[in-house]
């Protein structure tokens, strides 16, 4: 029963990871706007030359952070087949990121999600490989070799 619950929790955990990152991104954006001098505010928008670059970097960071959280939560919750689950989560997430990025012209967010997602997947797969039990090697005594 616990295995079924863990499998069923993967989708809500990934959605919660995305929304948590969205809220974090919004709070960071508000902090970014707070740094804008009042002389650079026009109709509530910051027109400082650095603001657009900082905003794009923030979007890239948040998209990548969301991808990492989604991949990590998927790998941790999967009771078995963690490698396959991680690869499937990355593949589906990449498809969603490309569709959302192209449709909204948010190429930085798309790149952030795919690049950081790929790096996170590589780390997860490396970690899973290092945790795998080594194959049993037959033990030979030095006396038997002679």
C-alpha atoms as a PDB file:
ATOM      1  CA  UNK A   1       0.000   0.000   0.000  1.00  0.00           C
ATOM      2  CA  UNK A   2       2.855   2.371   0.818  1.00  0.00           C
ATOM      3  CA  UNK A   3       4.392   1.793  -2.618  1.00  0.00           C
ATOM      4  CA  UNK A   4       1.134   2.722  -4.338  1.00  0.00           C
ATOM      5  CA  UNK A   5       0.862   5.880  -2.235  1.00  0.00           C
ATOM      6  CA  UNK A   6       4.411   6.877  -3.133  1.00  0.00           C
ATOM      7  CA  UNK A   7       3.739   6.374  -6.844  1.00  0.00           C
ATOM      8  CA  UNK A   8       0.529   8.407  -6.562  1.00  0.00           C
ATOM      9  CA  UNK A   9       2.308  11.237  -4.739  1.00  0.00           C
ATOM     10  CA  UNK A  10       4.813  11.857  -7.547  1.00  0.00           C
ATOM     11  CA  UNK A  11       2.511  14.008  -9.689  1.00  0.00           C
ATOM     12  CA  UNK A  12       1.249  16.204  -6.819  1.00  0.00           C
ATOM     13  CA  UNK A  13       4.836  16.603  -5.575  1.00  0.00           C
ATOM     14  CA  UNK A  14       6.014  17.780  -8.987  1.00  0.00           C
ATOM     15  CA  UNK A  15       3.133  20.257  -9.241  1.00  0.00           C
ATOM     16  CA  UNK A  16       3.869  21.490  -5.702  1.00  0.00           C
ATOM     17  CA  UNK A  17       7.550  21.890  -6.616  1.00  0.00           C
ATOM     18  CA  UNK A  18       6.618  24.004  -9.634  1.00  0.00           C
ATOM     19  CA  UNK A  19       4.235  26.215  -7.664  1.00  0.00           C
ATOM     20  CA  UNK A  20       6.693  26.622  -4.778  1.00  0.00           C
ATOM     21  CA  UNK A  21       9.323  27.794  -7.240  1.00  0.00           C
ATOM     22  CA  UNK A  22       6.786  30.117  -8.861  1.00  0.00           C
ATOM     23  CA  UNK A  23       6.060  31.733  -5.490  1.00  0.00           C
ATOM     24  CA  UNK A  24       9.788  31.979  -4.742  1.00  0.00           C
ATOM     25  CA  UNK A  25      10.359  33.589  -8.132  1.00  0.00           C
ATOM     26  CA  UNK A  26       7.594  36.098  -7.515  1.00  0.00           C
ATOM     27  CA  UNK A  27       9.060  37.041  -4.138  1.00  0.00           C
ATOM     28  CA  UNK A  28      12.520  37.407  -5.670  1.00  0.00           C
ATOM     29  CA  UNK A  29      11.040  39.553  -8.440  1.00  0.00           C
ATOM     30  CA  UNK A  30       9.441  41.821  -5.845  1.00  0.00           C
ATOM     31  CA  UNK A  31      12.848  42.117  -4.176  1.00  0.00           C
ATOM     32  CA  UNK A  32      14.400  42.928  -7.541  1.00  0.00           C
ATOM     33  CA  UNK A  33      11.855  45.687  -8.093  1.00  0.00           C
ATOM     34  CA  UNK A  34      12.553  47.028  -4.612  1.00  0.00           C
ATOM     35  CA  UNK A  35      16.165  47.613  -5.684  1.00  0.00           C
ATOM     36  CA  UNK A  36      15.060  49.873  -8.531  1.00  0.00           C
ATOM     37  CA  UNK A  37      15.569  53.584  -7.829  1.00  0.00           C
ATOM     38  CA  UNK A  38      12.343  55.614  -7.861  1.00  0.00           C
ATOM     39  CA  UNK A  39      13.768  57.778 -10.660  1.00  0.00           C
ATOM     40  CA  UNK A  40      13.889  54.628 -12.861  1.00  0.00           C
ATOM     41  CA  UNK A  41      10.257  53.636 -12.210  1.00  0.00           C
ATOM     42  CA  UNK A  42       7.767  54.438 -14.983  1.00  0.00           C
ATOM     43  CA  UNK A  43       4.124  53.489 -14.434  1.00  0.00           C
ATOM     44  CA  UNK A  44       5.171  50.933 -11.842  1.00  0.00           C
ATOM     45  CA  UNK A  45       7.785  49.296 -14.064  1.00  0.00           C
ATOM     46  CA  UNK A  46      11.526  49.546 -13.586  1.00  0.00           C
ATOM     47  CA  UNK A  47      13.284  50.834 -16.692  1.00  0.00           C
ATOM     48  CA  UNK A  48      16.815  50.708 -15.267  1.00  0.00           C
ATOM     49  CA  UNK A  49      19.234  49.198 -17.801  1.00  0.00           C
ATOM     50  CA  UNK A  50      20.298  46.399 -15.438  1.00  0.00           C
ATOM     51  CA  UNK A  51      16.737  45.356 -14.570  1.00  0.00           C
ATOM     52  CA  UNK A  52      15.964  43.452 -17.778  1.00  0.00           C
ATOM     53  CA  UNK A  53      19.164  41.405 -17.523  1.00  0.00           C
ATOM     54  CA  UNK A  54      18.554  40.698 -13.838  1.00  0.00           C
ATOM     55  CA  UNK A  55      14.971  39.675 -14.611  1.00  0.00           C
ATOM     56  CA  UNK A  56      16.089  37.267 -17.359  1.00  0.00           C
ATOM     57  CA  UNK A  57      18.689  35.760 -15.007  1.00  0.00           C
ATOM     58  CA  UNK A  58      15.998  35.343 -12.333  1.00  0.00           C
ATOM     59  CA  UNK A  59      13.679  33.581 -14.784  1.00  0.00           C
ATOM     60  CA  UNK A  60      16.526  31.291 -15.919  1.00  0.00           C
ATOM     61  CA  UNK A  61      17.373  30.488 -12.284  1.00  0.00           C
ATOM     62  CA  UNK A  62      13.772  29.788 -11.260  1.00  0.00           C
ATOM     63  CA  UNK A  63      13.062  27.567 -14.263  1.00  0.00           C
ATOM     64  CA  UNK A  64      16.209  25.570 -13.559  1.00  0.00           C
ATOM     65  CA  UNK A  65      15.430  25.389  -9.844  1.00  0.00           C
ATOM     66  CA  UNK A  66      11.928  24.095 -10.612  1.00  0.00           C
ATOM     67  CA  UNK A  67      13.374  21.446 -12.920  1.00  0.00           C
ATOM     68  CA  UNK A  68      15.793  20.331 -10.204  1.00  0.00           C
ATOM     69  CA  UNK A  69      13.094  20.143  -7.544  1.00  0.00           C
ATOM     70  CA  UNK A  70      10.803  18.177  -9.844  1.00  0.00           C
ATOM     71  CA  UNK A  71      13.508  15.669 -10.768  1.00  0.00           C
ATOM     72  CA  UNK A  72      14.709  15.243  -7.187  1.00  0.00           C
ATOM     73  CA  UNK A  73      11.196  14.812  -5.782  1.00  0.00           C
ATOM     74  CA  UNK A  74      10.369  12.283  -8.507  1.00  0.00           C
ATOM     75  CA  UNK A  75      13.510  10.270  -7.805  1.00  0.00           C
ATOM     76  CA  UNK A  76      13.029  10.362  -4.040  1.00  0.00           C
ATOM     77  CA  UNK A  77       9.358   9.396  -4.116  1.00  0.00           C
ATOM     78  CA  UNK A  78       9.634   6.559  -6.625  1.00  0.00           C
ATOM     79  CA  UNK A  79       9.718   3.366  -4.554  1.00  0.00           C
ATOM     80  CA  UNK A  80      11.471   1.483  -7.369  1.00  0.00           C
ATOM     81  CA  UNK A  81      12.650   2.119 -10.930  1.00  0.00           C
ATOM     82  CA  UNK A  82      14.216   5.399  -9.817  1.00  0.00           C
ATOM     83  CA  UNK A  83      16.474   5.564 -12.864  1.00  0.00           C
ATOM     84  CA  UNK A  84      13.582   5.119 -15.273  1.00  0.00           C
ATOM     85  CA  UNK A  85      11.429   7.565 -13.311  1.00  0.00           C
ATOM     86  CA  UNK A  86      14.164  10.213 -13.414  1.00  0.00           C
ATOM     87  CA  UNK A  87      14.634   9.813 -17.159  1.00  0.00           C
ATOM     88  CA  UNK A  88      10.872   9.923 -17.770  1.00  0.00           C
ATOM     89  CA  UNK A  89      10.468  13.020 -15.579  1.00  0.00           C
ATOM     90  CA  UNK A  90      13.274  14.762 -17.455  1.00  0.00           C
ATOM     91  CA  UNK A  91      11.830  13.820 -20.851  1.00  0.00           C
ATOM     92  CA  UNK A  92       8.315  14.957 -19.983  1.00  0.00           C
ATOM     93  CA  UNK A  93       9.591  18.097 -18.272  1.00  0.00           C
ATOM     94  CA  UNK A  94      11.723  18.982 -21.270  1.00  0.00           C
ATOM     95  CA  UNK A  95       8.739  18.606 -23.590  1.00  0.00           C
ATOM     96  CA  UNK A  96       6.621  20.837 -21.340  1.00  0.00           C
ATOM     97  CA  UNK A  97       9.461  23.391 -21.041  1.00  0.00           C
ATOM     98  CA  UNK A  98       9.915  23.540 -24.822  1.00  0.00           C
ATOM     99  CA  UNK A  99       6.173  23.919 -25.447  1.00  0.00           C
ATOM    100  CA  UNK A 100       5.815  26.619 -22.777  1.00  0.00           C
ATOM    101  CA  UNK A 101       9.035  28.366 -23.826  1.00  0.00           C
ATOM    102  CA  UNK A 102       8.194  28.539 -27.509  1.00  0.00           C
ATOM    103  CA  UNK A 103       4.547  29.496 -27.008  1.00  0.00           C
ATOM    104  CA  UNK A 104       5.430  32.341 -24.625  1.00  0.00           C
ATOM    105  CA  UNK A 105       8.755  33.316 -26.243  1.00  0.00           C
ATOM    106  CA  UNK A 106      10.439  32.596 -22.894  1.00  0.00           C
ATOM    107  CA  UNK A 107      13.571  31.073 -24.362  1.00  0.00           C
ATOM    108  CA  UNK A 108      15.677  31.797 -21.275  1.00  0.00           C
ATOM    109  CA  UNK A 109      13.269  29.902 -19.045  1.00  0.00           C
ATOM    110  CA  UNK A 110      13.168  27.054 -21.548  1.00  0.00           C
ATOM    111  CA  UNK A 111      16.949  26.875 -21.686  1.00  0.00           C
ATOM    112  CA  UNK A 112      17.226  27.102 -17.900  1.00  0.00           C
ATOM    113  CA  UNK A 113      14.791  24.258 -17.337  1.00  0.00           C
ATOM    114  CA  UNK A 114      16.366  21.947 -19.929  1.00  0.00           C
ATOM    115  CA  UNK A 115      20.016  22.689 -19.094  1.00  0.00           C
ATOM    116  CA  UNK A 116      19.680  22.541 -15.325  1.00  0.00           C
ATOM    117  CA  UNK A 117      17.319  19.575 -15.664  1.00  0.00           C
ATOM    118  CA  UNK A 118      19.918  17.691 -17.721  1.00  0.00           C
ATOM    119  CA  UNK A 119      22.628  18.459 -15.155  1.00  0.00           C
ATOM    120  CA  UNK A 120      20.361  17.352 -12.310  1.00  0.00           C
ATOM    121  CA  UNK A 121      19.470  14.165 -14.182  1.00  0.00           C
ATOM    122  CA  UNK A 122      23.166  13.419 -14.693  1.00  0.00           C
ATOM    123  CA  UNK A 123      23.823  13.874 -10.969  1.00  0.00           C
ATOM    124  CA  UNK A 124      20.852  11.690 -10.011  1.00  0.00           C
ATOM    125  CA  UNK A 125      21.913   8.922 -12.400  1.00  0.00           C
ATOM    126  CA  UNK A 126      25.486   9.116 -11.136  1.00  0.00           C
ATOM    127  CA  UNK A 127      24.294   8.908  -7.538  1.00  0.00           C
ATOM    128  CA  UNK A 128      21.998   5.971  -8.308  1.00  0.00           C
ATOM    129  CA  UNK A 129      24.837   4.151 -10.077  1.00  0.00           C
ATOM    130  CA  UNK A 130      27.156   4.649  -7.116  1.00  0.00           C
ATOM    131  CA  UNK A 131      24.500   3.294  -4.739  1.00  0.00           C
ATOM    132  CA  UNK A 132      23.934   0.162  -6.809  1.00  0.00           C
ATOM    133  CA  UNK A 133      25.352  -2.962  -5.297  1.00  0.00           C
ATOM    134  CA  UNK A 134      28.436  -4.226  -7.107  1.00  0.00           C
ATOM    135  CA  UNK A 135      28.197  -7.576  -8.795  1.00  0.00           C
ATOM    136  CA  UNK A 136      29.415 -10.495  -6.776  1.00  0.00           C
ATOM    137  CA  UNK A 137      33.016 -11.312  -7.574  1.00  0.00           C
ATOM    138  CA  UNK A 138      34.122 -14.869  -6.894  1.00  0.00           C
ATOM    139  CA  UNK A 139      36.697 -15.036  -4.142  1.00  0.00           C
ATOM    140  CA  UNK A 140      39.806 -17.030  -4.921  1.00  0.00           C
ATOM    141  CA  UNK A 141      42.395 -17.807  -2.345  1.00  0.00           C
ATOM    142  CA  UNK A 142      46.049 -17.337  -3.098  1.00  0.00           C
ATOM    143  CA  UNK A 143      46.593 -21.043  -2.390  1.00  0.00           C
ATOM    144  CA  UNK A 144      44.129 -22.027  -5.117  1.00  0.00           C
ATOM    145  CA  UNK A 145      45.946 -19.882  -7.665  1.00  0.00           C
ATOM    146  CA  UNK A 146      49.268 -21.693  -7.177  1.00  0.00           C
END
